[in-house]
Amino acid sequence: MELSSIINALSLRVVSGKDNLSNAVTGGYVGDLLSDVMGNGKSGDLWITRQVHQNIVAVASLKDLAGIVLVNNCEPAEDTIQKGVKEGIPIMISEMPGFDVAGKVYNLIKKDHHE
């Protein structure tokens, strides 16, 4: 599923990586512990977190993640946005809590695979 479809379906606000919204989302990962995401996240995952510091961009880049969704209307630090722009990592913001975002993303991906 294309990242832009998820952005539209969930009304996410994009703050970086706008040139890479056609990234393929093949799964998702929910977690706030960077080492956990580094150990268990997979290429193509959409990372759902409330972390806002610039190290999230490094992890997303290292793991070739499709993008990062910040939940609960969390605003990323300015240096995080700048690093996301530089690295081309899509960072999006949702007003919803992580549980809701994860459920909606799961259902969108599941529906897309069955069509």
PDB file of N, CA and C in Angstrom:
ATOM      1  N   MET A   1       0.846  -1.167   0.000  1.00  0.00           N
ATOM      2  CA  MET A   1       0.000   0.000   0.000  1.00  0.00           C
ATOM      3  C   MET A   1       0.893   1.233   0.000  1.00  0.00           C
ATOM      4  N   GLU A   2       0.505   2.223  -0.740  1.00  0.00           N
ATOM      5  CA  GLU A   2       1.293   3.449  -0.821  1.00  0.00           C
ATOM      6  C   GLU A   2       1.057   4.326   0.411  1.00  0.00           C
ATOM      7  N   LEU A   3       2.134   4.903   0.919  1.00  0.00           N
ATOM      8  CA  LEU A   3       2.069   5.746   2.112  1.00  0.00           C
ATOM      9  C   LEU A   3       1.048   6.866   1.958  1.00  0.00           C
ATOM     10  N   SER A   4       0.961   7.464   0.784  1.00  0.00           N
ATOM     11  CA  SER A   4       0.016   8.571   0.568  1.00  0.00           C
ATOM     12  C   SER A   4      -1.424   8.146   0.813  1.00  0.00           C
ATOM     13  N   SER A   5      -1.757   6.889   0.532  1.00  0.00           N
ATOM     14  CA  SER A   5      -3.121   6.390   0.786  1.00  0.00           C
ATOM     15  C   SER A   5      -3.419   6.362   2.277  1.00  0.00           C
ATOM     16  N   ILE A   6      -2.435   5.966   3.075  1.00  0.00           N
ATOM     17  CA  ILE A   6      -2.599   5.941   4.532  1.00  0.00           C
ATOM     18  C   ILE A   6      -2.709   7.369   5.061  1.00  0.00           C
ATOM     19  N   ILE A   7      -1.893   8.257   4.533  1.00  0.00           N
ATOM     20  CA  ILE A   7      -1.937   9.673   4.945  1.00  0.00           C
ATOM     21  C   ILE A   7      -3.329  10.245   4.717  1.00  0.00           C
ATOM     22  N   ASN A   8      -3.885   9.977   3.548  1.00  0.00           N
ATOM     23  CA  ASN A   8      -5.222  10.485   3.231  1.00  0.00           C
ATOM     24  C   ASN A   8      -6.296   9.846   4.098  1.00  0.00           C
ATOM     25  N   ALA A   9      -6.223   8.542   4.277  1.00  0.00           N
ATOM     26  CA  ALA A   9      -7.246   7.827   5.050  1.00  0.00           C
ATOM     27  C   ALA A   9      -7.257   8.242   6.515  1.00  0.00           C
ATOM     28  N   LEU A  10      -6.088   8.568   7.062  1.00  0.00           N
ATOM     29  CA  LEU A  10      -5.981   8.911   8.486  1.00  0.00           C
ATOM     30  C   LEU A  10      -5.855  10.416   8.726  1.00  0.00           C
ATOM     31  N   SER A  11      -5.913  11.206   7.662  1.00  0.00           N
ATOM     32  CA  SER A  11      -5.774  12.668   7.762  1.00  0.00           C
ATOM     33  C   SER A  11      -4.510  13.061   8.530  1.00  0.00           C
ATOM     34  N   LEU A  12      -3.389  12.456   8.133  1.00  0.00           N
ATOM     35  CA  LEU A  12      -2.118  12.748   8.788  1.00  0.00           C
ATOM     36  C   LEU A  12      -1.535  14.046   8.238  1.00  0.00           C
ATOM     37  N   ARG A  13      -0.829  14.767   9.095  1.00  0.00           N
ATOM     38  CA  ARG A  13      -0.140  15.998   8.692  1.00  0.00           C
ATOM     39  C   ARG A  13       1.321  15.652   8.455  1.00  0.00           C
ATOM     40  N   VAL A  14       1.795  15.912   7.238  1.00  0.00           N
ATOM     41  CA  VAL A  14       3.165  15.582   6.846  1.00  0.00           C
ATOM     42  C   VAL A  14       4.083  16.757   7.151  1.00  0.00           C
ATOM     43  N   VAL A  15       5.181  16.484   7.893  1.00  0.00           N
ATOM     44  CA  VAL A  15       6.123  17.556   8.244  1.00  0.00           C
ATOM     45  C   VAL A  15       7.501  17.379   7.612  1.00  0.00           C
ATOM     46  N   SER A  16       7.775  16.202   7.041  1.00  0.00           N
ATOM     47  CA  SER A  16       9.038  16.003   6.317  1.00  0.00           C
ATOM     48  C   SER A  16       8.900  14.838   5.357  1.00  0.00           C
ATOM     49  N   GLY A  17       9.855  14.756   4.424  1.00  0.00           N
ATOM     50  CA  GLY A  17       9.878  13.642   3.490  1.00  0.00           C
ATOM     51  C   GLY A  17       8.777  13.662   2.454  1.00  0.00           C
ATOM     52  N   LYS A  18       8.317  14.850   2.086  1.00  0.00           N
ATOM     53  CA  LYS A  18       7.176  14.957   1.172  1.00  0.00           C
ATOM     54  C   LYS A  18       7.445  14.392  -0.217  1.00  0.00           C
ATOM     55  N   ASP A  19       8.717  14.206  -0.567  1.00  0.00           N
ATOM     56  CA  ASP A  19       9.053  13.627  -1.866  1.00  0.00           C
ATOM     57  C   ASP A  19       8.973  12.102  -1.860  1.00  0.00           C
ATOM     58  N   ASN A  20       8.746  11.516  -0.700  1.00  0.00           N
ATOM     59  CA  ASN A  20       8.747  10.050  -0.589  1.00  0.00           C
ATOM     60  C   ASN A  20       7.414   9.485  -0.108  1.00  0.00           C
ATOM     61  N   LEU A  21       6.334  10.153  -0.446  1.00  0.00           N
ATOM     62  CA  LEU A  21       5.020   9.698   0.005  1.00  0.00           C
ATOM     63  C   LEU A  21       4.481   8.533  -0.823  1.00  0.00           C
ATOM     64  N   SER A  22       5.252   8.145  -1.842  1.00  0.00           N
ATOM     65  CA  SER A  22       4.864   6.969  -2.620  1.00  0.00           C
ATOM     66  C   SER A  22       5.537   5.708  -2.077  1.00  0.00           C
ATOM     67  N   ASN A  23       6.251   5.840  -0.953  1.00  0.00           N
ATOM     68  CA  ASN A  23       6.878   4.667  -0.322  1.00  0.00           C
ATOM     69  C   ASN A  23       5.842   3.576  -0.108  1.00  0.00           C
ATOM     70  N   ALA A  24       6.260   2.341  -0.329  1.00  0.00           N
ATOM     71  CA  ALA A  24       5.381   1.198  -0.094  1.00  0.00           C
ATOM     72  C   ALA A  24       5.376   0.850   1.390  1.00  0.00           C
ATOM     73  N   VAL A  25       4.175   0.748   1.956  1.00  0.00           N
ATOM     74  CA  VAL A  25       4.009   0.325   3.351  1.00  0.00           C
ATOM     75  C   VAL A  25       3.591  -1.139   3.321  1.00  0.00           C
ATOM     76  N   THR A  26       4.450  -1.987   3.882  1.00  0.00           N
ATOM     77  CA  THR A  26       4.174  -3.423   3.856  1.00  0.00           C
ATOM     78  C   THR A  26       3.807  -3.978   5.225  1.00  0.00           C
ATOM     79  N   GLY A  27       3.949  -3.148   6.258  1.00  0.00           N
ATOM     80  CA  GLY A  27       3.636  -3.565   7.613  1.00  0.00           C
ATOM     81  C   GLY A  27       3.752  -2.379   8.539  1.00  0.00           C
ATOM     82  N   GLY A  28       3.732  -2.662   9.817  1.00  0.00           N
ATOM     83  CA  GLY A  28       3.838  -1.585  10.788  1.00  0.00           C
ATOM     84  C   GLY A  28       4.576  -2.040  12.022  1.00  0.00           C
ATOM     85  N   TYR A  29       5.065  -1.065  12.773  1.00  0.00           N
ATOM     86  CA  TYR A  29       5.717  -1.364  14.041  1.00  0.00           C
ATOM     87  C   TYR A  29       5.359  -0.266  15.026  1.00  0.00           C
ATOM     88  N   VAL A  30       4.980  -0.666  16.224  1.00  0.00           N
ATOM     89  CA  VAL A  30       4.624   0.277  17.274  1.00  0.00           C
ATOM     90  C   VAL A  30       5.644   0.136  18.385  1.00  0.00           C
ATOM     91  N   GLY A  31       6.284   1.239  18.734  1.00  0.00           N
ATOM     92  CA  GLY A  31       7.248   1.188  19.819  1.00  0.00           C
ATOM     93  C   GLY A  31       7.921   2.527  20.039  1.00  0.00           C
ATOM     94  N   ASP A  32       8.312   2.762  21.276  1.00  0.00           N
ATOM     95  CA  ASP A  32       8.986   4.000  21.637  1.00  0.00           C
ATOM     96  C   ASP A  32      10.444   3.779  22.022  1.00  0.00           C
ATOM     97  N   LEU A  33      10.850   2.538  22.140  1.00  0.00           N
ATOM     98  CA  LEU A  33      12.223   2.223  22.516  1.00  0.00           C
ATOM     99  C   LEU A  33      13.033   2.022  21.231  1.00  0.00           C
ATOM    100  N   LEU A  34      13.991   2.911  20.981  1.00  0.00           N
ATOM    101  CA  LEU A  34      14.729   2.890  19.723  1.00  0.00           C
ATOM    102  C   LEU A  34      15.410   1.554  19.466  1.00  0.00           C
ATOM    103  N   SER A  35      16.012   0.974  20.492  1.00  0.00           N
ATOM    104  CA  SER A  35      16.702  -0.303  20.309  1.00  0.00           C
ATOM    105  C   SER A  35      15.722  -1.415  19.918  1.00  0.00           C
ATOM    106  N   ASP A  36      14.497  -1.345  20.411  1.00  0.00           N
ATOM    107  CA  ASP A  36      13.472  -2.316  20.059  1.00  0.00           C
ATOM    108  C   ASP A  36      13.116  -2.200  18.581  1.00  0.00           C
ATOM    109  N   VAL A  37      12.943  -0.980  18.109  1.00  0.00           N
ATOM    110  CA  VAL A  37      12.607  -0.758  16.697  1.00  0.00           C
ATOM    111  C   VAL A  37      13.780  -1.180  15.816  1.00  0.00           C
ATOM    112  N   MET A  38      15.004  -0.879  16.246  1.00  0.00           N
ATOM    113  CA  MET A  38      16.180  -1.290  15.469  1.00  0.00           C
ATOM    114  C   MET A  38      16.272  -2.814  15.387  1.00  0.00           C
ATOM    115  N   GLY A  39      15.893  -3.489  16.443  1.00  0.00           N
ATOM    116  CA  GLY A  39      15.987  -4.942  16.465  1.00  0.00           C
ATOM    117  C   GLY A  39      14.844  -5.653  15.776  1.00  0.00           C
ATOM    118  N   ASN A  40      13.669  -5.024  15.743  1.00  0.00           N
ATOM    119  CA  ASN A  40      12.479  -5.733  15.271  1.00  0.00           C
ATOM    120  C   ASN A  40      11.744  -5.091  14.098  1.00  0.00           C
ATOM    121  N   GLY A  41      11.995  -3.825  13.828  1.00  0.00           N
ATOM    122  CA  GLY A  41      11.354  -3.171  12.692  1.00  0.00           C
ATOM    123  C   GLY A  41      11.877  -3.758  11.387  1.00  0.00           C
ATOM    124  N   LYS A  42      11.017  -3.761  10.363  1.00  0.00           N
ATOM    125  CA  LYS A  42      11.390  -4.327   9.069  1.00  0.00           C
ATOM    126  C   LYS A  42      11.263  -3.274   7.973  1.00  0.00           C
ATOM    127  N   SER A  43      12.068  -3.439   6.948  1.00  0.00           N
ATOM    128  CA  SER A  43      11.993  -2.561   5.786  1.00  0.00           C
ATOM    129  C   SER A  43      10.539  -2.494   5.298  1.00  0.00           C
ATOM    130  N   GLY A  44      10.063  -1.282   5.046  1.00  0.00           N
ATOM    131  CA  GLY A  44       8.690  -1.089   4.586  1.00  0.00           C
ATOM    132  C   GLY A  44       7.675  -0.881   5.693  1.00  0.00           C
ATOM    133  N   ASP A  45       8.094  -1.063   6.955  1.00  0.00           N
ATOM    134  CA  ASP A  45       7.169  -0.822   8.076  1.00  0.00           C
ATOM    135  C   ASP A  45       6.887   0.672   8.233  1.00  0.00           C
ATOM    136  N   LEU A  46       5.694   0.972   8.681  1.00  0.00           N
ATOM    137  CA  LEU A  46       5.335   2.314   9.111  1.00  0.00           C
ATOM    138  C   LEU A  46       5.470   2.317  10.625  1.00  0.00           C
ATOM    139  N   TRP A  47       6.359   3.155  11.150  1.00  0.00           N
ATOM    140  CA  TRP A  47       6.657   3.187  12.579  1.00  0.00           C
ATOM    141  C   TRP A  47       5.705   4.154  13.264  1.00  0.00           C
ATOM    142  N   ILE A  48       5.014   3.662  14.276  1.00  0.00           N
ATOM    143  CA  ILE A  48       4.068   4.455  15.058  1.00  0.00           C
ATOM    144  C   ILE A  48       4.677   4.667  16.442  1.00  0.00           C
ATOM    145  N   THR A  49       4.879   5.941  16.823  1.00  0.00           N
ATOM    146  CA  THR A  49       5.587   6.259  18.060  1.00  0.00           C
ATOM    147  C   THR A  49       5.161   7.624  18.592  1.00  0.00           C
ATOM    148  N   ARG A  50       5.612   7.924  19.801  1.00  0.00           N
ATOM    149  CA  ARG A  50       5.421   9.268  20.337  1.00  0.00           C
ATOM    150  C   ARG A  50       6.760   9.952  20.562  1.00  0.00           C
ATOM    151  N   GLN A  51       7.841   9.268  20.174  1.00  0.00           N
ATOM    152  CA  GLN A  51       9.171   9.871  20.268  1.00  0.00           C
ATOM    153  C   GLN A  51       9.291  11.011  19.262  1.00  0.00           C
ATOM    154  N   VAL A  52       9.946  12.093  19.652  1.00  0.00           N
ATOM    155  CA  VAL A  52      10.012  13.270  18.780  1.00  0.00           C
ATOM    156  C   VAL A  52      11.437  13.753  18.521  1.00  0.00           C
ATOM    157  N   HIS A  53      12.435  13.098  19.110  1.00  0.00           N
ATOM    158  CA  HIS A  53      13.813  13.579  18.953  1.00  0.00           C
ATOM    159  C   HIS A  53      14.417  13.053  17.651  1.00  0.00           C
ATOM    160  N   GLN A  54      15.510  13.676  17.219  1.00  0.00           N
ATOM    161  CA  GLN A  54      16.057  13.397  15.892  1.00  0.00           C
ATOM    162  C   GLN A  54      16.567  11.973  15.691  1.00  0.00           C
ATOM    163  N   ASN A  55      16.806  11.239  16.750  1.00  0.00           N
ATOM    164  CA  ASN A  55      17.287   9.867  16.590  1.00  0.00           C
ATOM    165  C   ASN A  55      16.262   8.957  15.915  1.00  0.00           C
ATOM    166  N   ILE A  56      14.983   9.340  15.925  1.00  0.00           N
ATOM    167  CA  ILE A  56      13.982   8.523  15.234  1.00  0.00           C
ATOM    168  C   ILE A  56      14.253   8.493  13.734  1.00  0.00           C
ATOM    169  N   VAL A  57      14.779   9.591  13.206  1.00  0.00           N
ATOM    170  CA  VAL A  57      15.082   9.647  11.775  1.00  0.00           C
ATOM    171  C   VAL A  57      16.223   8.693  11.448  1.00  0.00           C
ATOM    172  N   ALA A  58      17.241   8.660  12.297  1.00  0.00           N
ATOM    173  CA  ALA A  58      18.369   7.756  12.078  1.00  0.00           C
ATOM    174  C   ALA A  58      17.907   6.299  12.079  1.00  0.00           C
ATOM    175  N   VAL A  59      17.040   5.945  13.010  1.00  0.00           N
ATOM    176  CA  VAL A  59      16.535   4.573  13.086  1.00  0.00           C
ATOM    177  C   VAL A  59      15.701   4.253  11.846  1.00  0.00           C
ATOM    178  N   ALA A  60      14.825   5.166  11.448  1.00  0.00           N
ATOM    179  CA  ALA A  60      13.984   4.937  10.272  1.00  0.00           C
ATOM    180  C   ALA A  60      14.831   4.765   9.018  1.00  0.00           C
ATOM    181  N   SER A  61      15.880   5.553   8.906  1.00  0.00           N
ATOM    182  CA  SER A  61      16.775   5.458   7.757  1.00  0.00           C
ATOM    183  C   SER A  61      17.549   4.135   7.776  1.00  0.00           C
ATOM    184  N   LEU A  62      18.081   3.784   8.934  1.00  0.00           N
ATOM    185  CA  LEU A  62      18.846   2.550   9.101  1.00  0.00           C
ATOM    186  C   LEU A  62      18.014   1.320   8.737  1.00  0.00           C
ATOM    187  N   LYS A  63      16.757   1.308   9.149  1.00  0.00           N
ATOM    188  CA  LYS A  63      15.880   0.149   8.941  1.00  0.00           C
ATOM    189  C   LYS A  63      15.065   0.239   7.643  1.00  0.00           C
ATOM    190  N   ASP A  64      15.250   1.307   6.869  1.00  0.00           N
ATOM    191  CA  ASP A  64      14.521   1.509   5.615  1.00  0.00           C
ATOM    192  C   ASP A  64      13.008   1.465   5.842  1.00  0.00           C
ATOM    193  N   LEU A  65      12.565   2.168   6.885  1.00  0.00           N
ATOM    194  CA  LEU A  65      11.137   2.215   7.197  1.00  0.00           C
ATOM    195  C   LEU A  65      10.422   3.127   6.204  1.00  0.00           C
ATOM    196  N   ALA A  66       9.148   2.861   5.967  1.00  0.00           N
ATOM    197  CA  ALA A  66       8.361   3.644   5.017  1.00  0.00           C
ATOM    198  C   ALA A  66       8.099   5.054   5.528  1.00  0.00           C
ATOM    199  N   GLY A  67       8.066   5.231   6.849  1.00  0.00           N
ATOM    200  CA  GLY A  67       7.814   6.534   7.451  1.00  0.00           C
ATOM    201  C   GLY A  67       7.564   6.394   8.933  1.00  0.00           C
ATOM    202  N   ILE A  68       7.347   7.543   9.557  1.00  0.00           N
ATOM    203  CA  ILE A  68       7.124   7.606  11.003  1.00  0.00           C
ATOM    204  C   ILE A  68       5.827   8.373  11.254  1.00  0.00           C
ATOM    205  N   VAL A  69       4.949   7.812  12.072  1.00  0.00           N
ATOM    206  CA  VAL A  69       3.739   8.519  12.495  1.00  0.00           C
ATOM    207  C   VAL A  69       3.879   8.839  13.976  1.00  0.00           C
ATOM    208  N   LEU A  70       3.820  10.120  14.288  1.00  0.00           N
ATOM    209  CA  LEU A  70       3.832  10.571  15.675  1.00  0.00           C
ATOM    210  C   LEU A  70       2.390  10.683  16.142  1.00  0.00           C
ATOM    211  N   VAL A  71       2.085  10.098  17.285  1.00  0.00           N
ATOM    212  CA  VAL A  71       0.706  10.024  17.768  1.00  0.00           C
ATOM    213  C   VAL A  71       0.415  11.092  18.818  1.00  0.00           C
ATOM    214  N   ASN A  72      -0.849  11.186  19.197  1.00  0.00           N
ATOM    215  CA  ASN A  72      -1.314  12.120  20.230  1.00  0.00           C
ATOM    216  C   ASN A  72      -0.925  13.566  19.935  1.00  0.00           C
ATOM    217  N   ASN A  73      -0.867  13.894  18.647  1.00  0.00           N
ATOM    218  CA  ASN A  73      -0.555  15.265  18.227  1.00  0.00           C
ATOM    219  C   ASN A  73       0.825  15.721  18.699  1.00  0.00           C
ATOM    220  N   CYS A  74       1.738  14.777  18.909  1.00  0.00           N
ATOM    221  CA  CYS A  74       3.102  15.122  19.336  1.00  0.00           C
ATOM    222  C   CYS A  74       3.815  15.856  18.212  1.00  0.00           C
ATOM    223  N   GLU A  75       4.417  16.969  18.547  1.00  0.00           N
ATOM    224  CA  GLU A  75       5.171  17.765  17.574  1.00  0.00           C
ATOM    225  C   GLU A  75       6.638  17.385  17.650  1.00  0.00           C
ATOM    226  N   PRO A  76       7.257  17.094  16.511  1.00  0.00           N
ATOM    227  CA  PRO A  76       8.675  16.763  16.535  1.00  0.00           C
ATOM    228  C   PRO A  76       9.514  18.005  16.816  1.00  0.00           C
ATOM    229  N   ALA A  77      10.679  17.772  17.396  1.00  0.00           N
ATOM    230  CA  ALA A  77      11.620  18.865  17.600  1.00  0.00           C
ATOM    231  C   ALA A  77      12.026  19.416  16.236  1.00  0.00           C
ATOM    232  N   GLU A  78      12.409  20.683  16.190  1.00  0.00           N
ATOM    233  CA  GLU A  78      12.782  21.307  14.919  1.00  0.00           C
ATOM    234  C   GLU A  78      13.950  20.576  14.259  1.00  0.00           C
ATOM    235  N   ASP A  79      14.925  20.135  15.050  1.00  0.00           N
ATOM    236  CA  ASP A  79      16.058  19.413  14.461  1.00  0.00           C
ATOM    237  C   ASP A  79      15.627  18.058  13.905  1.00  0.00           C
ATOM    238  N   THR A  80      14.560  17.493  14.447  1.00  0.00           N
ATOM    239  CA  THR A  80      14.016  16.241  13.921  1.00  0.00           C
ATOM    240  C   THR A  80      13.419  16.475  12.539  1.00  0.00           C
ATOM    241  N   ILE A  81      12.668  17.547  12.405  1.00  0.00           N
ATOM    242  CA  ILE A  81      12.073  17.886  11.105  1.00  0.00           C
ATOM    243  C   ILE A  81      13.168  18.112  10.076  1.00  0.00           C
ATOM    244  N   GLN A  82      14.174  18.890  10.452  1.00  0.00           N
ATOM    245  CA  GLN A  82      15.268  19.184   9.521  1.00  0.00           C
ATOM    246  C   GLN A  82      16.004  17.915   9.102  1.00  0.00           C
ATOM    247  N   LYS A  83      16.246  17.018  10.040  1.00  0.00           N
ATOM    248  CA  LYS A  83      16.924  15.761   9.713  1.00  0.00           C
ATOM    249  C   LYS A  83      16.030  14.901   8.824  1.00  0.00           C
ATOM    250  N   GLY A  84      14.732  14.899   9.085  1.00  0.00           N
ATOM    251  CA  GLY A  84      13.788  14.160   8.241  1.00  0.00           C
ATOM    252  C   GLY A  84      13.790  14.673   6.815  1.00  0.00           C
ATOM    253  N   VAL A  85      13.844  15.995   6.659  1.00  0.00           N
ATOM    254  CA  VAL A  85      13.905  16.599   5.328  1.00  0.00           C
ATOM    255  C   VAL A  85      15.205  16.181   4.639  1.00  0.00           C
ATOM    256  N   LYS A  86      16.312  16.304   5.349  1.00  0.00           N
ATOM    257  CA  LYS A  86      17.630  15.971   4.790  1.00  0.00           C
ATOM    258  C   LYS A  86      17.719  14.503   4.378  1.00  0.00           C
ATOM    259  N   GLU A  87      17.177  13.610   5.214  1.00  0.00           N
ATOM    260  CA  GLU A  87      17.259  12.172   4.952  1.00  0.00           C
ATOM    261  C   GLU A  87      16.126  11.663   4.055  1.00  0.00           C
ATOM    262  N   GLY A  88      15.115  12.516   3.811  1.00  0.00           N
ATOM    263  CA  GLY A  88      13.978  12.097   2.988  1.00  0.00           C
ATOM    264  C   GLY A  88      13.044  11.135   3.687  1.00  0.00           C
ATOM    265  N   ILE A  89      13.015  11.197   5.019  1.00  0.00           N
ATOM    266  CA  ILE A  89      12.153  10.309   5.801  1.00  0.00           C
ATOM    267  C   ILE A  89      10.811  11.002   6.051  1.00  0.00           C
ATOM    268  N   PRO A  90       9.710  10.414   5.592  1.00  0.00           N
ATOM    269  CA  PRO A  90       8.404  10.993   5.879  1.00  0.00           C
ATOM    270  C   PRO A  90       8.077  10.907   7.377  1.00  0.00           C
ATOM    271  N   ILE A  91       7.796  12.065   7.963  1.00  0.00           N
ATOM    272  CA  ILE A  91       7.317  12.136   9.346  1.00  0.00           C
ATOM    273  C   ILE A  91       5.934  12.755   9.286  1.00  0.00           C
ATOM    274  N   MET A  92       4.978  12.062   9.886  1.00  0.00           N
ATOM    275  CA  MET A  92       3.597  12.511   9.894  1.00  0.00           C
ATOM    276  C   MET A  92       3.090  12.606  11.320  1.00  0.00           C
ATOM    277  N   ILE A  93       2.096  13.450  11.526  1.00  0.00           N
ATOM    278  CA  ILE A  93       1.514  13.648  12.854  1.00  0.00           C
ATOM    279  C   ILE A  93       0.037  13.278  12.814  1.00  0.00           C
ATOM    280  N   SER A  94      -0.386  12.526  13.832  1.00  0.00           N
ATOM    281  CA  SER A  94      -1.793  12.164  13.983  1.00  0.00           C
ATOM    282  C   SER A  94      -2.309  12.695  15.315  1.00  0.00           C
ATOM    283  N   GLU A  95      -3.550  13.098  15.324  1.00  0.00           N
ATOM    284  CA  GLU A  95      -4.191  13.510  16.572  1.00  0.00           C
ATOM    285  C   GLU A  95      -4.598  12.300  17.402  1.00  0.00           C
ATOM    286  N   MET A  96      -4.693  11.141  16.769  1.00  0.00           N
ATOM    287  CA  MET A  96      -5.179   9.933  17.438  1.00  0.00           C
ATOM    288  C   MET A  96      -4.116   9.314  18.341  1.00  0.00           C
ATOM    289  N   PRO A  97      -4.555   8.543  19.329  1.00  0.00           N
ATOM    290  CA  PRO A  97      -3.597   7.767  20.131  1.00  0.00           C
ATOM    291  C   PRO A  97      -3.029   6.609  19.303  1.00  0.00           C
ATOM    292  N   GLY A  98      -1.906   6.077  19.744  1.00  0.00           N
ATOM    293  CA  GLY A  98      -1.217   5.012  19.021  1.00  0.00           C
ATOM    294  C   GLY A  98      -2.071   3.793  18.751  1.00  0.00           C
ATOM    295  N   PHE A  99      -2.897   3.397  19.710  1.00  0.00           N
ATOM    296  CA  PHE A  99      -3.751   2.224  19.550  1.00  0.00           C
ATOM    297  C   PHE A  99      -4.667   2.386  18.338  1.00  0.00           C
ATOM    298  N   ASP A 100      -5.274   3.562  18.224  1.00  0.00           N
ATOM    299  CA  ASP A 100      -6.181   3.829  17.106  1.00  0.00           C
ATOM    300  C   ASP A 100      -5.439   3.856  15.774  1.00  0.00           C
ATOM    301  N   VAL A 101      -4.289   4.528  15.746  1.00  0.00           N
ATOM    302  CA  VAL A 101      -3.501   4.595  14.515  1.00  0.00           C
ATOM    303  C   VAL A 101      -3.099   3.190  14.073  1.00  0.00           C
ATOM    304  N   ALA A 102      -2.587   2.393  15.008  1.00  0.00           N
ATOM    305  CA  ALA A 102      -2.149   1.036  14.677  1.00  0.00           C
ATOM    306  C   ALA A 102      -3.300   0.203  14.113  1.00  0.00           C
ATOM    307  N   GLY A 103      -4.452   0.277  14.742  1.00  0.00           N
ATOM    308  CA  GLY A 103      -5.604  -0.483  14.271  1.00  0.00           C
ATOM    309  C   GLY A 103      -6.040  -0.067  12.878  1.00  0.00           C
ATOM    310  N   LYS A 104      -6.074   1.224  12.636  1.00  0.00           N
ATOM    311  CA  LYS A 104      -6.494   1.721  11.322  1.00  0.00           C
ATOM    312  C   LYS A 104      -5.479   1.354  10.238  1.00  0.00           C
ATOM    313  N   VAL A 105      -4.190   1.499  10.539  1.00  0.00           N
ATOM    314  CA  VAL A 105      -3.158   1.131   9.570  1.00  0.00           C
ATOM    315  C   VAL A 105      -3.232  -0.368   9.275  1.00  0.00           C
ATOM    316  N   TYR A 106      -3.375  -1.173  10.298  1.00  0.00           N
ATOM    317  CA  TYR A 106      -3.492  -2.625  10.125  1.00  0.00           C
ATOM    318  C   TYR A 106      -4.655  -2.952   9.181  1.00  0.00           C
ATOM    319  N   ASN A 107      -5.815  -2.358   9.442  1.00  0.00           N
ATOM    320  CA  ASN A 107      -6.992  -2.645   8.620  1.00  0.00           C
ATOM    321  C   ASN A 107      -6.813  -2.187   7.179  1.00  0.00           C
ATOM    322  N   LEU A 108      -6.161  -1.042   6.979  1.00  0.00           N
ATOM    323  CA  LEU A 108      -5.920  -0.556   5.618  1.00  0.00           C
ATOM    324  C   LEU A 108      -4.998  -1.503   4.856  1.00  0.00           C
ATOM    325  N   ILE A 109      -3.926  -1.945   5.502  1.00  0.00           N
ATOM    326  CA  ILE A 109      -2.988  -2.857   4.850  1.00  0.00           C
ATOM    327  C   ILE A 109      -3.658  -4.203   4.568  1.00  0.00           C
ATOM    328  N   LYS A 110      -4.411  -4.701   5.532  1.00  0.00           N
ATOM    329  CA  LYS A 110      -5.102  -5.981   5.364  1.00  0.00           C
ATOM    330  C   LYS A 110      -6.096  -5.904   4.204  1.00  0.00           C
ATOM    331  N   LYS A 111      -6.851  -4.824   4.139  1.00  0.00           N
ATOM    332  CA  LYS A 111      -7.824  -4.645   3.072  1.00  0.00           C
ATOM    333  C   LYS A 111      -7.113  -4.550   1.723  1.00  0.00           C
ATOM    334  N   ASP A 112      -5.993  -3.828   1.670  1.00  0.00           N
ATOM    335  CA  ASP A 112      -5.243  -3.657   0.435  1.00  0.00           C
ATOM    336  C   ASP A 112      -4.704  -4.991  -0.084  1.00  0.00           C
ATOM    337  N   HIS A 113      -4.291  -5.869   0.811  1.00  0.00           N
ATOM    338  CA  HIS A 113      -3.758  -7.170   0.401  1.00  0.00           C
ATOM    339  C   HIS A 113      -4.847  -8.113  -0.106  1.00  0.00           C
ATOM    340  N   HIS A 114      -6.075  -7.859   0.283  1.00  0.00           N
ATOM    341  CA  HIS A 114      -7.179  -8.730  -0.136  1.00  0.00           C
ATOM    342  C   HIS A 114      -7.878  -8.242  -1.402  1.00  0.00           C
ATOM    343  N   GLU A 115      -7.472  -7.090  -1.894  1.00  0.00           N
ATOM    344  CA  GLU A 115      -8.126  -6.565  -3.111  1.00  0.00           C
ATOM    345  C   GLU A 115      -7.421  -7.031  -4.361  1.00  0.00           C
TER     346      GLU A 115
END
